[in-house]
Amino acid sequence: MALLDTFIVNVAAPDLRADLHASGAGLQLVIAGYTIAYAVLLITGARLGALLGHSRVFLAGLALFIAASLACGLATGTGQLIAFRLAQGTGGAAMLPQVLSLIQRTFTGQARGRALGAYAAVLGVGAAAGQLLGGVLVSADLFGWGWRPVFLINVPVGVVLLALGPWLMGARGEARGGADERRALDLPGLALLGAVLLLFTVPVVLGRERGWPLWAWAALALCAVLVPVFGRYQVLLARRGGRPLISPLVLRAPGVTLAVVRIFCMMAVNSGFVLVVMLHLQTGLRKSALLAGFSMVPTAVLFAVVGTNWRRLPQSWHPRLSSAGFLIAAASFGWLGALLSDGGDGGAWLYVCQAASGIGMSLAYNPVLSRALASVRQSEAADASGLLVTTAQLGLLSGVALFGAVFLETAERTVPSAATSAHALTVTCAALVTGSLIGAAAGPFNGLARRARGLPHDR
């Protein structure tokens, strides 16, 4: 459900925008608001699980997520919807880290690998459900509610999970931390991270429509100043024996730094790709929400299939799979831009292209995630889980803000038409190719940096 709600709104975006008379910036904030709260609070959510018990925090987060989903479905204005999406993201931030923490604490060896494979498959299923279910619900227009069922669908599903959760999770998630865990809630770090994200997101999303006023540039400049302040604070806190949000011990584990860079890049291009394809198909080509959602199914299904089967490939290939995945993704984005550049819908080739992107993004993501989590000590499991899931959400947030701004800025320069939208998609696909190539280059760059410091190379 947490991942589904990241993607399902993309399908409903055009209907939501028309019904609530939302601006382009308002629409981006509806999508990004969920991810802002989610990203800021994930590490704190992981530590609350270690302190209070993973199942307790999971169920509390689930209850908040259900209530916020209901409120989103009943919202009557863009401002309300943005506020309720922030609450929904807070619930998701309490739920999701408990999953990876429990995998780390419950499984070892090959069993952990299988559990992580199942986790990756669920990511793919969640993304697929977000695209397809969103299309079905919007096209069906249940009870004349339009886009609202994309949020309300969480309520009955969540209530069932809330009832079954205590029985399914049992005592495994009830361990509580002591005084050390109570001191581990880095509230100043949380405030700094939240400020950095807001100072980045708000001007990127709102600045374009406001003509890039002075306050937007001032916010971005302040964000650039606070990033090293946050980093320095985290280092000093660790030296004093505290528990910073981003633990240096976790970052020093083999493969974790590379995983942070590559997961960020993959999630950024993924979220930007999904958003602009949905906007192009529905607003540019006037396709139905159902057809637009269905077009993304090959991407999500192949992501899940590859995520559960990449370990079957020869072991000697594994260190290079992530780089290969980014290159496949880059090729698929370039192909997509060329395929739809003439204002057509691409026909059957669109689905082939979407499948290739799913293969590429899964290979880019899953091997680095598995390697990073396998290298982290169990005592650092909550921090590693929070860090990597936070990185993923920061990538999603940045992708929506940056690639969404590229598409909307290009599309709205002239009179809206299929040709204008196709041109905007082509420009955005070029930006997606660049993002993918940065992810591919991260491996060799990381290897050079580690060799310069006399450390083993994490490919």
Protein backbone atom coordinates (compact mmCIF):
# COMPACT_ATOMS: atom_id res chain seq x y z
CA MET A 1 0.00 0.00 0.00
CA ALA A 2 2.83 2.40 0.81
CA LEU A 3 4.37 2.04 -2.64
CA LEU A 4 1.01 1.86 -4.40
CA ASP A 5 0.13 5.28 -3.02
CA THR A 6 3.33 6.71 -4.44
CA PHE A 7 2.27 5.76 -7.96
CA ILE A 8 -1.54 5.54 -8.02
CA VAL A 9 -1.93 9.33 -7.87
CA ASN A 10 0.04 9.70 -11.11
CA VAL A 11 -2.75 7.92 -13.01
CA ALA A 12 -5.44 10.02 -11.34
CA ALA A 13 -3.46 13.28 -11.71
CA PRO A 14 -5.28 14.70 -14.77
CA ASP A 15 -8.78 14.02 -13.32
CA LEU A 16 -7.74 15.30 -9.91
CA ARG A 17 -6.32 18.47 -11.45
CA ALA A 18 -9.51 19.16 -13.41
CA ASP A 19 -11.89 18.42 -10.52
CA LEU A 20 -10.07 20.50 -7.90
CA HIS A 21 -8.90 23.15 -10.40
CA ALA A 22 -5.35 22.52 -9.18
CA SER A 23 -2.39 24.32 -10.70
CA GLY A 24 0.58 22.38 -12.02
CA ALA A 25 2.46 23.24 -8.82
CA GLY A 26 -0.49 22.17 -6.68
CA LEU A 27 -0.61 18.86 -8.51
CA GLN A 28 3.11 18.28 -7.93
CA LEU A 29 2.69 19.09 -4.22
CA VAL A 30 -0.16 16.56 -3.94
CA ILE A 31 2.18 13.93 -5.35
CA ALA A 32 5.32 15.14 -3.57
CA GLY A 33 3.66 15.96 -0.21
CA TYR A 34 3.26 12.27 0.56
CA THR A 35 6.89 11.62 -0.28
CA ILE A 36 8.21 14.62 1.70
CA ALA A 37 6.74 13.37 5.00
CA TYR A 38 7.65 9.81 4.09
CA ALA A 39 11.30 10.66 3.37
CA VAL A 40 11.86 12.92 6.38
CA LEU A 41 10.41 10.51 8.94
CA LEU A 42 11.54 7.08 7.70
CA ILE A 43 14.73 6.79 9.78
CA THR A 44 12.91 8.04 12.87
CA GLY A 45 10.17 5.50 12.12
CA ALA A 46 12.78 2.73 11.99
CA ARG A 47 14.18 3.78 15.37
CA LEU A 48 10.74 4.04 16.94
CA GLY A 49 10.24 0.42 15.87
CA ALA A 50 13.46 -0.60 17.63
CA LEU A 51 12.35 1.33 20.74
CA LEU A 52 8.66 0.46 20.99
CA GLY A 53 8.44 -2.82 19.07
CA HIS A 54 8.24 -3.23 15.32
CA SER A 55 4.71 -4.61 15.23
CA ARG A 56 3.35 -1.86 17.50
CA VAL A 57 4.82 0.92 15.37
CA PHE A 58 3.77 -0.87 12.18
CA LEU A 59 0.15 -1.09 13.34
CA ALA A 60 0.10 2.50 14.62
CA GLY A 61 1.45 3.71 11.28
CA LEU A 62 -1.11 1.59 9.45
CA ALA A 63 -3.96 3.12 11.48
CA LEU A 64 -2.76 6.65 10.65
CA PHE A 65 -2.35 5.68 7.00
CA ILE A 66 -5.95 4.40 6.85
CA ALA A 67 -7.37 7.54 8.49
CA ALA A 68 -5.36 9.84 6.20
CA SER A 69 -6.43 7.84 3.12
CA LEU A 70 -10.07 8.35 4.10
CA ALA A 71 -9.45 12.08 4.57
CA CYS A 72 -7.72 12.30 1.17
CA GLY A 73 -10.72 10.65 -0.48
CA LEU A 74 -13.06 13.19 1.12
CA ALA A 75 -10.91 16.30 0.46
CA THR A 76 -12.68 19.23 -1.19
CA GLY A 77 -9.67 21.38 -2.11
CA THR A 78 -6.05 21.16 -3.16
CA GLY A 79 -4.78 22.56 0.16
CA GLN A 80 -6.70 19.95 2.14
CA LEU A 81 -5.46 17.17 -0.08
CA ILE A 82 -1.83 18.27 0.31
CA ALA A 83 -2.21 18.33 4.12
CA PHE A 84 -3.82 14.89 4.22
CA ARG A 85 -1.13 13.51 1.91
CA LEU A 86 1.47 14.70 4.43
CA ALA A 87 -0.38 12.77 7.14
CA GLN A 88 -0.57 9.73 4.86
CA GLY A 89 3.18 9.90 4.30
CA THR A 90 3.73 10.05 8.06
CA GLY A 91 1.78 6.81 8.46
CA GLY A 92 3.76 5.19 5.66
CA ALA A 93 7.02 6.25 7.31
CA ALA A 94 6.01 4.37 10.45
CA MET A 95 4.93 1.25 8.52
CA LEU A 96 7.54 0.57 5.90
CA PRO A 97 10.86 0.57 7.83
CA GLN A 98 9.55 -2.17 10.10
CA VAL A 99 9.45 -4.55 7.13
CA LEU A 100 13.16 -4.35 6.29
CA SER A 101 14.08 -4.27 9.99
CA LEU A 102 12.16 -7.50 10.60
CA ILE A 103 13.79 -9.12 7.56
CA GLN A 104 17.22 -8.15 8.92
CA ARG A 105 16.43 -9.40 12.43
CA THR A 106 14.58 -12.59 11.45
CA PHE A 107 16.52 -14.06 8.51
CA THR A 108 20.15 -14.87 7.76
CA GLY A 109 22.11 -16.21 4.78
CA GLN A 110 20.12 -17.53 1.85
CA ALA A 111 16.84 -17.11 3.72
CA ARG A 112 17.50 -13.38 3.97
CA GLY A 113 18.22 -13.28 0.25
CA ARG A 114 14.89 -14.97 -0.49
CA ALA A 115 13.07 -12.57 1.85
CA LEU A 116 14.67 -9.57 0.15
CA GLY A 117 13.66 -11.06 -3.20
CA ALA A 118 10.08 -11.28 -1.99
CA TYR A 119 10.32 -7.68 -0.79
CA ALA A 120 11.51 -6.61 -4.25
CA ALA A 121 8.63 -8.52 -5.84
CA VAL A 122 6.16 -6.70 -3.61
CA LEU A 123 7.68 -3.39 -4.76
CA GLY A 124 6.98 -4.41 -8.35
CA VAL A 125 3.47 -5.59 -7.55
CA GLY A 126 2.77 -2.35 -5.67
CA ALA A 127 3.94 -0.29 -8.62
CA ALA A 128 1.92 -2.42 -11.05
CA ALA A 129 -1.17 -2.18 -8.87
CA GLY A 130 -0.70 1.58 -8.63
CA GLN A 131 -0.74 2.00 -12.40
CA LEU A 132 -3.44 -0.55 -13.28
CA LEU A 133 -5.73 -0.14 -10.28
CA GLY A 134 -5.55 3.63 -10.60
CA GLY A 135 -6.60 3.38 -14.23
CA VAL A 136 -9.45 0.98 -13.44
CA LEU A 137 -10.81 3.06 -10.56
CA VAL A 138 -10.65 6.39 -12.39
CA SER A 139 -12.18 4.96 -15.59
CA ALA A 140 -14.96 3.18 -13.66
CA ASP A 141 -15.92 6.45 -11.92
CA LEU A 142 -17.47 4.48 -9.04
CA PHE A 143 -20.57 6.21 -7.65
CA GLY A 144 -19.55 9.29 -9.63
CA TRP A 145 -16.62 9.83 -7.26
CA GLY A 146 -14.01 10.28 -10.03
CA TRP A 147 -10.48 10.15 -8.61
CA ARG A 148 -11.49 9.69 -4.95
CA PRO A 149 -11.54 5.85 -4.92
CA VAL A 150 -7.77 5.78 -5.56
CA PHE A 151 -7.43 6.86 -1.92
CA LEU A 152 -10.55 5.24 -0.47
CA ILE A 153 -9.46 1.77 -1.67
CA ASN A 154 -6.86 1.78 1.12
CA VAL A 155 -9.54 1.90 3.83
CA PRO A 156 -11.10 -1.60 3.55
CA VAL A 157 -7.72 -3.20 2.76
CA GLY A 158 -6.09 -1.40 5.69
CA VAL A 159 -8.83 -2.37 8.14
CA VAL A 160 -8.35 -6.05 7.26
CA LEU A 161 -4.57 -5.72 7.71
CA LEU A 162 -5.09 -3.92 11.01
CA ALA A 163 -7.21 -6.83 12.26
CA LEU A 164 -4.80 -9.54 11.03
CA GLY A 165 -1.54 -7.72 11.85
CA PRO A 166 -1.11 -8.73 15.52
CA TRP A 167 -1.71 -12.40 14.68
CA LEU A 168 0.55 -12.45 11.60
CA MET A 169 3.46 -10.59 13.20
CA GLY A 170 3.31 -12.32 16.58
CA ALA A 171 6.01 -11.69 19.15
CA ARG A 172 8.82 -11.23 16.63
CA GLY A 173 8.21 -7.52 16.41
CA GLU A 174 7.72 -6.81 20.11
CA ALA A 175 11.32 -6.38 21.27
CA ARG A 176 11.84 -2.98 22.82
CA GLY A 177 14.96 -0.89 23.12
CA GLY A 178 16.33 0.56 26.33
CA ALA A 179 17.79 3.91 27.31
CA ASP A 180 20.20 3.89 24.37
CA GLU A 181 17.30 3.65 21.92
CA ARG A 182 15.48 6.47 23.68
CA ARG A 183 18.49 8.68 23.13
CA ALA A 184 18.60 7.56 19.48
CA LEU A 185 15.77 9.83 18.35
CA ASP A 186 17.82 12.54 16.65
CA LEU A 187 15.26 15.34 16.75
CA PRO A 188 17.64 18.20 15.78
CA GLY A 189 18.85 16.11 12.84
CA LEU A 190 15.23 15.42 11.90
CA ALA A 191 14.48 19.18 11.94
CA LEU A 192 17.53 19.92 9.77
CA LEU A 193 16.68 17.19 7.26
CA GLY A 194 13.08 18.39 7.06
CA ALA A 195 14.24 21.95 6.44
CA VAL A 196 16.63 20.82 3.68
CA LEU A 197 13.87 18.89 1.91
CA LEU A 198 11.32 21.70 2.14
CA LEU A 199 13.81 24.34 1.03
CA PHE A 200 14.57 22.20 -2.01
CA THR A 201 11.10 20.95 -2.92
CA VAL A 202 8.94 24.07 -2.50
CA PRO A 203 10.96 26.39 -4.80
CA VAL A 204 11.49 23.66 -7.42
CA VAL A 205 7.76 22.94 -7.52
CA LEU A 206 6.36 26.47 -7.08
CA GLY A 207 9.14 28.59 -8.58
CA ARG A 208 8.35 27.73 -12.19
CA GLU A 209 4.74 28.94 -12.03
CA ARG A 210 5.67 32.06 -10.01
CA GLY A 211 8.33 33.15 -12.52
CA TRP A 212 11.25 32.17 -10.26
CA PRO A 213 10.94 34.99 -7.70
CA LEU A 214 13.76 35.98 -5.36
CA TRP A 215 12.43 33.87 -2.46
CA ALA A 216 12.76 30.70 -4.58
CA TRP A 217 16.44 31.33 -5.26
CA ALA A 218 17.00 32.31 -1.62
CA ALA A 219 15.41 29.04 -0.46
CA LEU A 220 17.62 26.99 -2.79
CA ALA A 221 20.71 28.89 -1.60
CA LEU A 222 19.78 28.26 2.03
CA CYS A 223 19.22 24.59 1.21
CA ALA A 224 22.75 24.41 -0.21
CA VAL A 225 24.08 25.96 3.02
CA LEU A 226 22.14 23.58 5.30
CA VAL A 227 23.28 20.39 3.54
CA PRO A 228 26.88 20.59 4.86
CA VAL A 229 25.56 21.86 8.22
CA PHE A 230 23.41 18.73 8.47
CA GLY A 231 26.34 16.52 7.46
CA ARG A 232 28.68 18.15 9.98
CA TYR A 233 26.10 17.84 12.75
CA GLN A 234 25.69 14.14 12.01
CA VAL A 235 29.47 13.55 12.21
CA LEU A 236 29.83 15.47 15.48
CA LEU A 237 26.87 13.66 17.03
CA ALA A 238 28.42 10.30 16.15
CA ARG A 239 31.76 11.35 17.69
CA ARG A 240 29.95 12.26 20.92
CA GLY A 241 28.51 8.76 21.08
CA GLY A 242 25.04 9.77 19.84
CA ARG A 243 22.92 8.12 17.15
CA PRO A 244 22.70 10.42 14.12
CA LEU A 245 20.02 9.96 11.49
CA ILE A 246 22.68 8.90 8.98
CA SER A 247 25.15 6.72 10.84
CA PRO A 248 28.80 6.82 9.70
CA LEU A 249 29.05 3.15 10.73
CA VAL A 250 26.32 2.24 8.27
CA LEU A 251 27.86 4.34 5.50
CA ARG A 252 31.22 2.62 6.00
CA ALA A 253 29.72 -0.86 5.48
CA PRO A 254 30.75 -2.33 2.09
CA GLY A 255 28.42 -1.30 -0.71
CA VAL A 256 26.21 1.06 1.32
CA THR A 257 27.51 4.36 -0.11
CA LEU A 258 27.23 3.04 -3.66
CA ALA A 259 23.73 1.73 -2.87
CA VAL A 260 22.68 5.18 -1.61
CA VAL A 261 23.78 6.86 -4.85
CA ARG A 262 22.30 4.24 -7.15
CA ILE A 263 19.00 3.80 -5.31
CA PHE A 264 18.56 7.59 -5.37
CA CYS A 265 19.23 7.75 -9.12
CA MET A 266 17.00 4.78 -9.93
CA MET A 267 14.05 6.03 -7.88
CA ALA A 268 14.40 9.55 -9.31
CA VAL A 269 14.26 8.40 -12.92
CA ASN A 270 11.51 5.91 -12.08
CA SER A 271 9.18 8.48 -10.49
CA GLY A 272 9.89 11.07 -13.19
CA PHE A 273 9.34 8.50 -15.92
CA VAL A 274 5.98 7.35 -14.53
CA LEU A 275 4.69 10.90 -13.96
CA VAL A 276 5.54 12.29 -17.39
CA VAL A 277 4.29 9.21 -19.27
CA MET A 278 0.94 9.44 -17.41
CA LEU A 279 0.64 13.16 -18.16
CA HIS A 280 1.58 12.71 -21.83
CA LEU A 281 -0.78 9.81 -22.50
CA GLN A 282 -3.77 11.37 -20.73
CA THR A 283 -3.39 15.10 -21.35
CA GLY A 284 -1.37 15.08 -24.56
CA LEU A 285 -2.82 12.06 -26.39
CA ARG A 286 -6.21 12.08 -24.60
CA LYS A 287 -5.99 8.40 -23.68
CA SER A 288 -8.18 7.00 -20.92
CA ALA A 289 -6.82 6.54 -17.41
CA LEU A 290 -7.30 2.77 -17.83
CA LEU A 291 -5.19 2.59 -20.99
CA ALA A 292 -2.54 4.88 -19.48
CA GLY A 293 -2.36 2.72 -16.36
CA PHE A 294 -2.22 -0.48 -18.38
CA SER A 295 0.71 0.84 -20.40
CA MET A 296 2.86 0.85 -17.25
CA VAL A 297 2.08 -2.75 -16.27
CA PRO A 298 4.96 -4.28 -18.30
CA THR A 299 7.40 -2.02 -16.45
CA ALA A 300 6.17 -3.05 -13.03
CA VAL A 301 5.74 -6.76 -13.83
CA LEU A 302 9.24 -7.08 -15.30
CA PHE A 303 10.62 -5.18 -12.30
CA ALA A 304 9.09 -7.82 -10.01
CA VAL A 305 10.11 -10.82 -12.13
CA VAL A 306 13.72 -9.66 -12.47
CA GLY A 307 13.82 -8.73 -8.79
CA THR A 308 13.04 -12.30 -7.73
CA ASN A 309 15.23 -14.05 -10.29
CA TRP A 310 18.43 -12.02 -10.84
CA ARG A 311 20.34 -14.27 -8.41
CA ARG A 312 19.93 -17.14 -10.89
CA LEU A 313 22.35 -15.38 -13.24
CA PRO A 314 26.03 -16.46 -13.07
CA GLN A 315 27.70 -15.23 -9.88
CA SER A 316 30.48 -13.55 -11.87
CA TRP A 317 27.87 -11.25 -13.47
CA HIS A 318 26.45 -9.95 -10.18
CA PRO A 319 28.94 -7.10 -9.53
CA ARG A 320 28.13 -5.57 -12.94
CA LEU A 321 24.37 -6.09 -13.03
CA SER A 322 23.52 -2.68 -11.57
CA SER A 323 25.62 -0.79 -14.13
CA ALA A 324 24.08 -2.89 -16.90
CA GLY A 325 20.61 -2.13 -15.54
CA PHE A 326 21.17 1.61 -15.67
CA LEU A 327 22.42 1.35 -19.24
CA ILE A 328 19.35 -0.71 -20.24
CA ALA A 329 17.12 1.88 -18.55
CA ALA A 330 18.91 4.73 -20.35
CA ALA A 331 18.43 2.98 -23.70
CA SER A 332 14.72 2.41 -22.96
CA PHE A 333 14.15 6.07 -22.08
CA GLY A 334 15.91 7.23 -25.22
CA TRP A 335 13.86 4.77 -27.25
CA LEU A 336 10.63 5.98 -25.62
CA GLY A 337 11.39 9.60 -26.46
CA ALA A 338 12.11 8.71 -30.10
CA LEU A 339 9.08 6.39 -30.32
CA LEU A 340 6.57 9.02 -29.19
CA SER A 341 8.27 12.11 -30.67
CA ASP A 342 5.90 12.25 -33.66
CA GLY A 343 2.80 12.59 -31.47
CA GLY A 344 1.70 8.96 -31.94
CA ASP A 345 1.01 6.39 -29.22
CA GLY A 346 3.82 3.99 -30.20
CA GLY A 347 1.50 1.01 -30.76
CA ALA A 348 2.73 -2.37 -29.49
CA TRP A 349 6.31 -1.09 -29.36
CA LEU A 350 5.32 1.12 -26.42
CA TYR A 351 4.78 -2.00 -24.27
CA VAL A 352 8.09 -3.52 -25.38
CA CYS A 353 9.84 -0.29 -24.45
CA GLN A 354 8.09 -0.21 -21.07
CA ALA A 355 9.14 -3.82 -20.40
CA ALA A 356 12.77 -2.95 -21.16
CA SER A 357 12.63 -0.09 -18.67
CA GLY A 358 11.31 -2.46 -15.98
CA ILE A 359 14.19 -4.89 -16.60
CA GLY A 360 16.75 -2.10 -16.48
CA MET A 361 15.45 -0.42 -13.33
CA SER A 362 15.13 -3.74 -11.47
CA LEU A 363 18.72 -4.70 -12.28
CA ALA A 364 19.85 -1.20 -11.27
CA TYR A 365 18.09 -1.46 -7.89
CA ASN A 366 17.95 -4.99 -6.51
CA PRO A 367 21.61 -6.15 -6.59
CA VAL A 368 22.90 -3.02 -4.80
CA LEU A 369 20.11 -3.20 -2.18
CA SER A 370 20.83 -6.87 -1.47
CA ARG A 371 24.60 -6.35 -1.22
CA ALA A 372 24.26 -3.34 1.07
CA LEU A 373 21.84 -5.00 3.51
CA ALA A 374 23.89 -8.21 3.60
CA SER A 375 26.97 -6.25 4.70
CA VAL A 376 25.34 -4.44 7.65
CA ARG A 377 25.52 -5.79 11.19
CA GLN A 378 22.24 -6.76 12.84
CA SER A 379 22.71 -4.03 15.46
CA GLU A 380 22.66 -1.48 12.63
CA ALA A 381 19.69 -3.06 10.84
CA ALA A 382 17.17 -0.35 11.76
CA ASP A 383 19.53 2.45 10.70
CA ALA A 384 20.41 0.73 7.42
CA SER A 385 16.75 0.06 6.66
CA GLY A 386 15.80 3.64 7.42
CA LEU A 387 18.69 5.07 5.41
CA LEU A 388 18.06 3.02 2.25
CA VAL A 389 14.30 3.47 2.28
CA THR A 390 14.76 7.20 2.96
CA THR A 391 17.16 7.38 0.02
CA ALA A 392 14.53 5.75 -2.18
CA GLN A 393 11.92 8.27 -1.12
CA LEU A 394 14.28 11.21 -1.61
CA GLY A 395 14.86 9.89 -5.12
CA LEU A 396 11.11 9.65 -5.74
CA LEU A 397 10.61 13.18 -4.44
CA SER A 398 13.45 14.61 -6.53
CA GLY A 399 12.24 12.79 -9.65
CA VAL A 400 8.72 14.19 -9.34
CA ALA A 401 10.03 17.71 -8.67
CA LEU A 402 12.84 17.86 -11.26
CA PHE A 403 11.57 15.76 -14.18
CA GLY A 404 8.00 16.94 -13.60
CA ALA A 405 9.23 20.54 -13.80
CA VAL A 406 11.13 19.82 -17.05
CA PHE A 407 8.02 18.30 -18.65
CA LEU A 408 5.58 20.98 -17.47
CA GLU A 409 7.92 23.86 -18.30
CA THR A 410 8.43 22.56 -21.84
CA ALA A 411 4.78 21.58 -22.42
CA GLU A 412 3.32 24.89 -21.22
CA ARG A 413 5.49 27.19 -23.33
CA THR A 414 3.05 26.98 -26.26
CA VAL A 415 -0.59 26.11 -26.91
CA PRO A 416 -1.30 22.61 -25.49
CA SER A 417 -1.45 19.91 -28.18
CA ALA A 418 -0.31 16.36 -28.86
CA ALA A 419 2.78 17.69 -30.64
CA THR A 420 3.67 20.02 -27.75
CA SER A 421 3.28 17.20 -25.23
CA ALA A 422 5.35 14.86 -27.42
CA HIS A 423 8.14 17.43 -27.59
CA ALA A 424 8.05 17.86 -23.81
CA LEU A 425 8.23 14.10 -23.35
CA THR A 426 11.22 13.87 -25.71
CA VAL A 427 13.07 16.57 -23.78
CA THR A 428 12.26 14.89 -20.46
CA CYS A 429 13.38 11.49 -21.77
CA ALA A 430 16.76 13.04 -22.60
CA ALA A 431 16.97 14.20 -18.98
CA LEU A 432 16.00 10.67 -17.81
CA VAL A 433 18.80 9.22 -19.96
CA THR A 434 21.24 11.58 -18.25
CA GLY A 435 20.04 10.53 -14.80
CA SER A 436 20.45 6.86 -15.71
CA LEU A 437 23.98 7.40 -17.03
CA ILE A 438 24.92 9.10 -13.76
CA GLY A 439 23.75 5.96 -11.94
CA ALA A 440 25.78 3.75 -14.27
CA ALA A 441 28.91 5.89 -13.75
CA ALA A 442 28.58 5.76 -9.95
CA GLY A 443 30.11 2.26 -9.79
CA PRO A 444 33.40 3.04 -11.57
CA PHE A 445 33.66 6.40 -9.77
CA ASN A 446 33.09 4.72 -6.40
CA GLY A 447 35.76 2.15 -7.25
CA LEU A 448 38.33 4.83 -8.07
CA ALA A 449 37.53 6.72 -4.87
CA ARG A 450 37.83 3.61 -2.70
CA ARG A 451 41.09 2.54 -4.32
CA ALA A 452 42.47 6.03 -3.70
CA ARG A 453 41.72 5.52 -0.01
CA GLY A 454 43.12 1.97 0.01
CA LEU A 455 39.70 0.33 0.45
CA PRO A 456 38.18 -2.66 -1.40
CA HIS A 457 36.23 -1.80 -4.54
CA ASP A 458 32.43 -2.09 -4.19
CA ARG A 459 31.14 -2.47 -7.71
